[in-house]
Amino acid sequence: MVTTMHAVRAHRRGGPEQLRYETAPRPEPDPGEALVAVRAASVTAGELDWDATWTDSFDGSGRDRTPTIPSHEVSGVVADVGPGVVTPRVGEAVYALIPFVHDGAAAEFVTLPAGILAPKPRRIDHDAAASVPLAALTVWQALARHAGVTPGRHVLVHGAAGGVGSFAVQIAAALGAQVTATAAARDAGFVAGLGARRVVDYAGSRFEDEVADVDVVFDAVGGDTQDRSWSVLRPGGLLVSIVSPPDPATARAHGARGVFFVVEPDRAGLEAVSRLIDGGKLTPRVDRVVPLTETRAAYEALEHEHRRGKVVIHVADGT
């Protein structure tokens, strides 16, 4: 029986310099868990700054989890299941958002609660599938769950060329919304190709001078951009932020509502995302794919380079 695996781990809290490619114990599934043979994972900017990456709490007050394995998006194949697991089955291709206080997928194997694993979209390979869960679930929960976007609604997406924003444009369009987006001028064509009817150059003009009557603002930027967004909302409109909590007093003053949330693992949400992907309405954007041995360099790239789409770690070949 194989008891070890290759993994990328950090034994001390810090940045990419702490990551080491090494041999680690292979996990075994407990009751209610599945063991996933990782085919691909992806990395997220700022992940190594989160308290949840290093402890078992979001505020850093919990138990230290080092050595810790990063990367919270996974696509792979079920290799084994623990007692009580009926689905998914061994051999099934799955993908998931991994809980943030749990070891990640920069490894050959990871054990996860079986209930968060969704069937991998059939239309794309594992590398592309690994780029989906965090960004797509964030957007799905924002637009479908919190905002209840329906056909004909006007949605303004900030940061539309980024990993999350690019999904927001596509999912809003797939839900039938009229999409306006803010992005750099160099990304205007890219964002329009995702489904935005109009793209506003945030550096060349003030979006509030050009946009009005918005039902939902999706805020992936925060700060001054969030503050200026209230004026473009219709009465009763919603500003949903993944950056910082909107000020309730300001929301009331504009006759609007504000929501802030942190994305959670969500099998049903991923199943909905899979239907959009397999139906050709949602296309993941992968900036680059690197081998597991280059995980440290992938995290370094997140800190210094402009990207369109996710940086993916290819762990193993296979369907």
Protein backbone atom coordinates (compact mmCIF):
# COMPACT_ATOMS: atom_id res chain seq x y z
CA MET A 1 0.00 0.00 0.00
CA VAL A 2 1.31 3.42 -0.97
CA THR A 3 1.72 5.61 2.12
CA THR A 4 3.52 8.65 0.68
CA MET A 5 3.02 11.18 -2.11
CA HIS A 6 4.67 14.21 -3.62
CA ALA A 7 3.31 17.51 -2.34
CA VAL A 8 4.15 21.17 -2.00
CA ARG A 9 4.18 22.19 1.66
CA ALA A 10 5.13 25.13 3.84
CA HIS A 11 6.53 24.37 7.29
CA ARG A 12 6.58 28.00 8.40
CA ARG A 13 4.17 30.85 7.74
CA GLY A 14 5.27 33.20 4.98
CA GLY A 15 5.15 33.77 1.25
CA PRO A 16 6.14 31.64 -1.73
CA GLU A 17 9.69 31.35 -0.38
CA GLN A 18 8.37 28.92 2.25
CA LEU A 19 6.98 26.42 -0.28
CA ARG A 20 8.87 23.15 -0.72
CA TYR A 21 8.28 20.29 -3.14
CA GLU A 22 8.78 17.17 -1.03
CA THR A 23 7.59 13.73 -0.01
CA ALA A 24 4.65 13.79 2.41
CA PRO A 25 2.29 11.26 4.00
CA ARG A 26 -0.56 10.25 1.74
CA PRO A 27 -3.90 10.99 3.45
CA GLU A 28 -6.57 8.33 3.91
CA PRO A 29 -10.30 9.08 3.82
CA ASP A 30 -12.23 9.20 7.08
CA PRO A 31 -15.97 8.46 7.27
CA GLY A 32 -17.82 10.76 4.89
CA GLU A 33 -14.67 11.63 2.92
CA ALA A 34 -13.28 10.78 -0.49
CA LEU A 35 -9.65 10.45 -1.53
CA VAL A 36 -9.06 12.36 -4.76
CA ALA A 37 -6.13 11.63 -7.05
CA VAL A 38 -5.31 15.19 -8.10
CA ARG A 39 -4.98 15.86 -11.81
CA ALA A 40 -4.80 19.66 -11.52
CA ALA A 41 -5.08 22.47 -8.98
CA SER A 42 -4.97 26.23 -9.25
CA VAL A 43 -3.51 29.05 -7.20
CA THR A 44 -5.10 32.23 -5.88
CA ALA A 45 -3.56 35.66 -5.31
CA GLY A 46 -3.27 36.47 -1.61
CA GLU A 47 -3.88 32.90 -0.48
CA LEU A 48 -0.62 32.74 1.46
CA ASP A 49 -1.69 35.83 3.43
CA TRP A 50 -4.92 34.25 4.71
CA ASP A 51 -5.03 33.14 8.35
CA ALA A 52 -7.10 30.17 7.20
CA THR A 53 -4.18 28.91 5.12
CA TRP A 54 -2.11 28.46 8.27
CA THR A 55 -4.61 27.75 11.04
CA ASP A 56 -7.99 26.11 11.50
CA SER A 57 -9.78 29.45 11.82
CA PHE A 58 -10.39 32.50 9.61
CA ASP A 59 -9.10 34.97 12.18
CA GLY A 60 -5.85 33.19 13.01
CA SER A 61 -6.90 32.31 16.56
CA GLY A 62 -7.08 28.58 15.93
CA ARG A 63 -4.65 25.69 15.89
CA ASP A 64 -1.54 25.97 13.74
CA ARG A 65 -1.82 23.64 10.71
CA THR A 66 1.76 23.67 9.45
CA PRO A 67 3.08 21.94 7.48
CA THR A 68 0.30 23.10 5.20
CA ILE A 69 -0.46 22.36 1.55
CA PRO A 70 -1.78 25.31 -0.53
CA SER A 71 -4.23 25.58 -3.44
CA HIS A 72 -7.96 25.34 -2.81
CA GLU A 73 -9.27 24.41 -6.25
CA VAL A 74 -9.00 20.84 -7.44
CA SER A 75 -9.93 18.63 -10.33
CA GLY A 76 -9.19 14.93 -10.21
CA VAL A 77 -10.47 11.39 -9.94
CA VAL A 78 -11.91 9.64 -6.88
CA ALA A 79 -9.34 7.04 -5.80
CA ASP A 80 -11.05 5.77 -2.63
CA VAL A 81 -13.93 6.61 -0.31
CA GLY A 82 -14.39 6.39 3.42
CA PRO A 83 -17.17 4.57 5.27
CA GLY A 84 -20.67 5.82 4.54
CA VAL A 85 -19.89 7.44 1.19
CA VAL A 86 -22.31 6.46 -1.57
CA THR A 87 -21.47 9.22 -4.03
CA PRO A 88 -19.18 10.07 -5.71
CA ARG A 89 -17.92 6.67 -6.75
CA VAL A 90 -14.37 5.48 -7.21
CA GLY A 91 -13.19 6.39 -10.70
CA GLU A 92 -15.49 9.39 -11.07
CA ALA A 93 -13.96 12.64 -12.34
CA VAL A 94 -14.77 15.42 -9.88
CA TYR A 95 -13.91 18.99 -9.02
CA ALA A 96 -14.38 21.16 -5.95
CA LEU A 97 -13.62 24.23 -3.93
CA ILE A 98 -11.64 23.03 -0.92
CA PRO A 99 -12.51 24.53 2.50
CA PHE A 100 -9.99 27.27 3.28
CA VAL A 101 -9.06 25.77 6.66
CA HIS A 102 -8.25 22.44 4.99
CA ASP A 103 -5.05 21.29 3.27
CA GLY A 104 -5.15 22.10 -0.40
CA ALA A 105 -4.54 20.32 -3.70
CA ALA A 106 -0.88 21.10 -4.51
CA ALA A 107 -0.24 17.39 -4.01
CA GLU A 108 -0.82 14.05 -5.68
CA PHE A 109 -3.74 13.24 -3.36
CA VAL A 110 -6.18 15.12 -1.12
CA THR A 111 -9.00 13.91 1.13
CA LEU A 112 -12.20 15.97 1.08
CA PRO A 113 -15.77 15.81 2.38
CA ALA A 114 -17.60 13.77 -0.25
CA GLY A 115 -20.56 16.15 -0.18
CA ILE A 116 -18.63 19.06 -1.72
CA LEU A 117 -17.41 17.11 -4.77
CA ALA A 118 -19.26 17.74 -8.03
CA PRO A 119 -18.90 15.90 -11.34
CA LYS A 120 -16.27 17.58 -13.50
CA PRO A 121 -17.64 19.37 -16.58
CA ARG A 122 -17.39 17.01 -19.55
CA ARG A 123 -16.52 19.73 -22.07
CA ILE A 124 -13.14 20.69 -20.54
CA ASP A 125 -10.03 18.91 -19.29
CA HIS A 126 -8.78 18.77 -15.71
CA ASP A 127 -6.44 21.75 -16.11
CA ALA A 128 -9.31 23.98 -17.18
CA ALA A 129 -11.67 22.51 -14.58
CA ALA A 130 -9.23 23.32 -11.78
CA SER A 131 -9.43 26.99 -12.74
CA VAL A 132 -13.17 27.13 -12.12
CA PRO A 133 -14.35 26.47 -8.53
CA LEU A 134 -13.27 29.52 -6.52
CA ALA A 135 -14.05 32.22 -9.06
CA ALA A 136 -17.15 30.63 -10.58
CA LEU A 137 -18.70 29.71 -7.23
CA THR A 138 -18.01 33.21 -5.92
CA VAL A 139 -19.87 34.68 -8.86
CA TRP A 140 -22.67 32.12 -8.84
CA GLN A 141 -23.33 32.68 -5.15
CA ALA A 142 -23.19 36.46 -5.64
CA LEU A 143 -25.43 36.73 -8.69
CA ALA A 144 -27.78 33.76 -8.37
CA ARG A 145 -28.09 33.38 -4.60
CA HIS A 146 -27.61 36.87 -3.18
CA ALA A 147 -28.71 39.06 -6.11
CA GLY A 148 -31.25 36.76 -7.76
CA VAL A 149 -30.30 38.01 -11.22
CA THR A 150 -32.97 37.34 -13.82
CA PRO A 151 -33.22 38.09 -17.56
CA GLY A 152 -33.28 41.78 -18.39
CA ARG A 153 -31.51 42.98 -15.25
CA HIS A 154 -28.66 45.45 -15.66
CA VAL A 155 -25.46 44.23 -13.97
CA LEU A 156 -22.28 46.27 -13.59
CA VAL A 157 -19.14 44.19 -13.12
CA HIS A 158 -16.01 45.82 -11.68
CA GLY A 159 -12.62 44.23 -12.34
CA ALA A 160 -14.05 42.40 -15.32
CA ALA A 161 -10.75 41.19 -16.80
CA GLY A 162 -9.63 39.43 -13.62
CA GLY A 163 -10.07 35.80 -12.67
CA VAL A 164 -13.34 36.43 -10.81
CA GLY A 165 -14.56 39.32 -12.93
CA SER A 166 -14.25 37.36 -16.16
CA PHE A 167 -16.58 34.72 -14.73
CA ALA A 168 -18.94 37.45 -13.49
CA VAL A 169 -19.38 38.84 -16.99
CA GLN A 170 -20.04 35.41 -18.47
CA ILE A 171 -22.40 34.18 -15.75
CA ALA A 172 -24.37 37.44 -15.67
CA ALA A 173 -24.79 37.21 -19.45
CA ALA A 174 -25.77 33.54 -19.16
CA LEU A 175 -28.45 34.52 -16.63
CA GLY A 176 -29.86 36.89 -19.24
CA ALA A 177 -28.60 40.15 -17.79
CA GLN A 178 -27.47 43.24 -19.67
CA VAL A 179 -23.81 43.49 -18.65
CA THR A 180 -21.71 46.63 -18.34
CA ALA A 181 -18.12 46.18 -17.20
CA THR A 182 -15.16 48.24 -16.07
CA ALA A 183 -11.67 47.23 -17.15
CA ALA A 184 -8.40 48.63 -18.45
CA ALA A 185 -8.46 49.82 -22.05
CA ARG A 186 -6.07 47.03 -23.08
CA ASP A 187 -8.60 44.46 -21.85
CA ALA A 188 -11.70 45.97 -23.49
CA GLY A 189 -11.83 43.55 -26.40
CA PHE A 190 -11.28 40.57 -24.12
CA VAL A 191 -14.09 41.62 -21.78
CA ALA A 192 -16.48 42.38 -24.62
CA GLY A 193 -15.80 38.90 -25.94
CA LEU A 194 -16.96 37.48 -22.61
CA GLY A 195 -20.40 38.99 -23.09
CA ALA A 196 -20.26 42.58 -21.86
CA ARG A 197 -22.41 44.89 -23.98
CA ARG A 198 -20.35 47.87 -22.87
CA VAL A 199 -16.85 48.17 -21.40
CA VAL A 200 -15.80 51.35 -19.60
CA ASP A 201 -12.10 52.16 -19.32
CA TYR A 202 -11.75 52.80 -15.59
CA ALA A 203 -8.53 54.78 -16.09
CA GLY A 204 -9.81 56.95 -18.91
CA SER A 205 -13.16 57.99 -17.45
CA ARG A 206 -15.31 57.83 -14.34
CA PHE A 207 -17.78 55.02 -14.75
CA GLU A 208 -20.47 56.88 -12.76
CA ASP A 209 -20.49 59.56 -15.47
CA GLU A 210 -21.29 56.96 -18.12
CA VAL A 211 -23.39 54.31 -16.39
CA ALA A 212 -26.82 54.55 -14.73
CA ASP A 213 -29.92 52.52 -13.85
CA VAL A 214 -27.99 49.50 -12.63
CA ASP A 215 -29.85 46.73 -10.77
CA VAL A 216 -26.79 44.92 -9.41
CA VAL A 217 -23.18 45.98 -8.93
CA PHE A 218 -20.70 43.12 -8.60
CA ASP A 219 -17.73 44.58 -6.74
CA ALA A 220 -14.41 42.76 -7.03
CA VAL A 221 -12.35 45.92 -6.47
CA GLY A 222 -13.55 47.66 -3.30
CA GLY A 223 -12.28 50.98 -1.93
CA ASP A 224 -13.12 54.09 -3.90
CA THR A 225 -14.70 52.01 -6.66
CA GLN A 226 -17.20 50.59 -4.20
CA ASP A 227 -17.93 54.04 -2.75
CA ARG A 228 -18.64 55.52 -6.17
CA SER A 229 -20.88 52.63 -7.21
CA TRP A 230 -23.87 53.64 -5.09
CA SER A 231 -24.74 56.49 -7.41
CA VAL A 232 -25.28 54.23 -10.43
CA LEU A 233 -27.78 51.93 -8.71
CA ARG A 234 -31.51 52.15 -9.24
CA PRO A 235 -33.66 52.53 -6.09
CA GLY A 236 -33.80 49.11 -4.48
CA GLY A 237 -30.64 48.00 -6.27
CA LEU A 238 -27.98 45.77 -4.74
CA LEU A 239 -24.23 46.17 -4.37
CA VAL A 240 -22.66 42.78 -3.68
CA SER A 241 -18.99 42.86 -2.72
CA ILE A 242 -16.41 40.13 -2.30
CA VAL A 243 -13.82 42.64 -1.08
CA SER A 244 -15.24 44.51 1.92
CA PRO A 245 -18.61 44.98 3.65
CA PRO A 246 -20.62 47.85 2.15
CA ASP A 247 -21.55 50.58 4.62
CA PRO A 248 -25.20 50.10 5.70
CA ALA A 249 -25.79 53.81 6.27
CA THR A 250 -24.57 54.66 2.79
CA ALA A 251 -26.76 51.94 1.31
CA ARG A 252 -29.84 53.34 3.08
CA ALA A 253 -29.00 56.87 1.95
CA HIS A 254 -29.13 55.70 -1.66
CA GLY A 255 -32.22 53.54 -1.21
CA ALA A 256 -30.18 50.47 -1.98
CA ARG A 257 -28.83 47.36 -0.29
CA GLY A 258 -25.32 46.07 0.26
CA VAL A 259 -24.06 42.50 0.75
CA PHE A 260 -20.64 41.11 1.57
CA PHE A 261 -19.93 37.39 1.70
CA VAL A 262 -17.14 34.81 1.63
CA VAL A 263 -17.57 32.00 -0.87
CA GLU A 264 -18.23 28.51 0.50
CA PRO A 265 -17.86 25.02 -0.98
CA ASP A 266 -21.08 24.28 -2.81
CA ARG A 267 -21.77 21.09 -4.78
CA ALA A 268 -25.10 22.34 -6.14
CA GLY A 269 -23.50 25.59 -7.26
CA LEU A 270 -20.74 23.73 -9.07
CA GLU A 271 -23.33 21.51 -10.75
CA ALA A 272 -25.02 24.65 -12.07
CA VAL A 273 -21.66 25.98 -13.25
CA SER A 274 -20.94 22.66 -14.97
CA ARG A 275 -24.20 22.94 -16.90
CA LEU A 276 -23.18 26.39 -18.12
CA ILE A 277 -19.76 25.10 -19.20
CA ASP A 278 -21.11 21.99 -20.92
CA GLY A 279 -23.77 24.13 -22.60
CA GLY A 280 -21.10 26.42 -24.07
CA LYS A 281 -22.19 29.46 -22.04
CA LEU A 282 -19.15 29.64 -19.78
CA THR A 283 -15.51 29.27 -20.80
CA PRO A 284 -12.74 29.12 -18.19
CA ARG A 285 -9.75 31.34 -18.90
CA VAL A 286 -6.38 29.78 -18.08
CA ASP A 287 -3.38 32.09 -18.16
CA ARG A 288 -0.76 29.34 -17.88
CA VAL A 289 -0.20 25.78 -16.72
CA VAL A 290 2.86 24.76 -14.68
CA PRO A 291 3.96 21.42 -13.22
CA LEU A 292 3.64 20.64 -9.51
CA THR A 293 7.38 21.13 -9.10
CA GLU A 294 6.95 24.79 -10.15
CA THR A 295 4.22 25.66 -7.65
CA ARG A 296 6.45 28.13 -5.83
CA ALA A 297 7.10 30.01 -9.09
CA ALA A 298 3.36 30.05 -9.78
CA TYR A 299 2.67 31.84 -6.49
CA GLU A 300 5.51 34.26 -7.19
CA ALA A 301 3.94 35.06 -10.57
CA LEU A 302 0.69 35.99 -8.83
CA GLU A 303 2.50 38.72 -6.92
CA HIS A 304 4.24 40.39 -9.86
CA GLU A 305 2.57 39.69 -13.21
CA HIS A 306 -0.58 40.82 -15.05
CA ARG A 307 -2.76 37.84 -15.93
CA ARG A 308 -5.89 36.99 -17.86
CA GLY A 309 -7.32 33.96 -16.14
CA LYS A 310 -5.97 31.49 -13.63
CA VAL A 311 -2.53 29.97 -13.08
CA VAL A 312 -3.01 26.19 -12.98
CA ILE A 313 -0.81 23.48 -11.51
CA HIS A 314 -0.75 20.30 -13.61
CA VAL A 315 -0.24 17.41 -11.20
CA ALA A 316 -0.84 14.27 -13.25
CA ASP A 317 -2.10 13.15 -16.66
CA GLY A 318 -5.30 11.20 -17.04
CA THR A 319 -9.01 11.55 -17.74
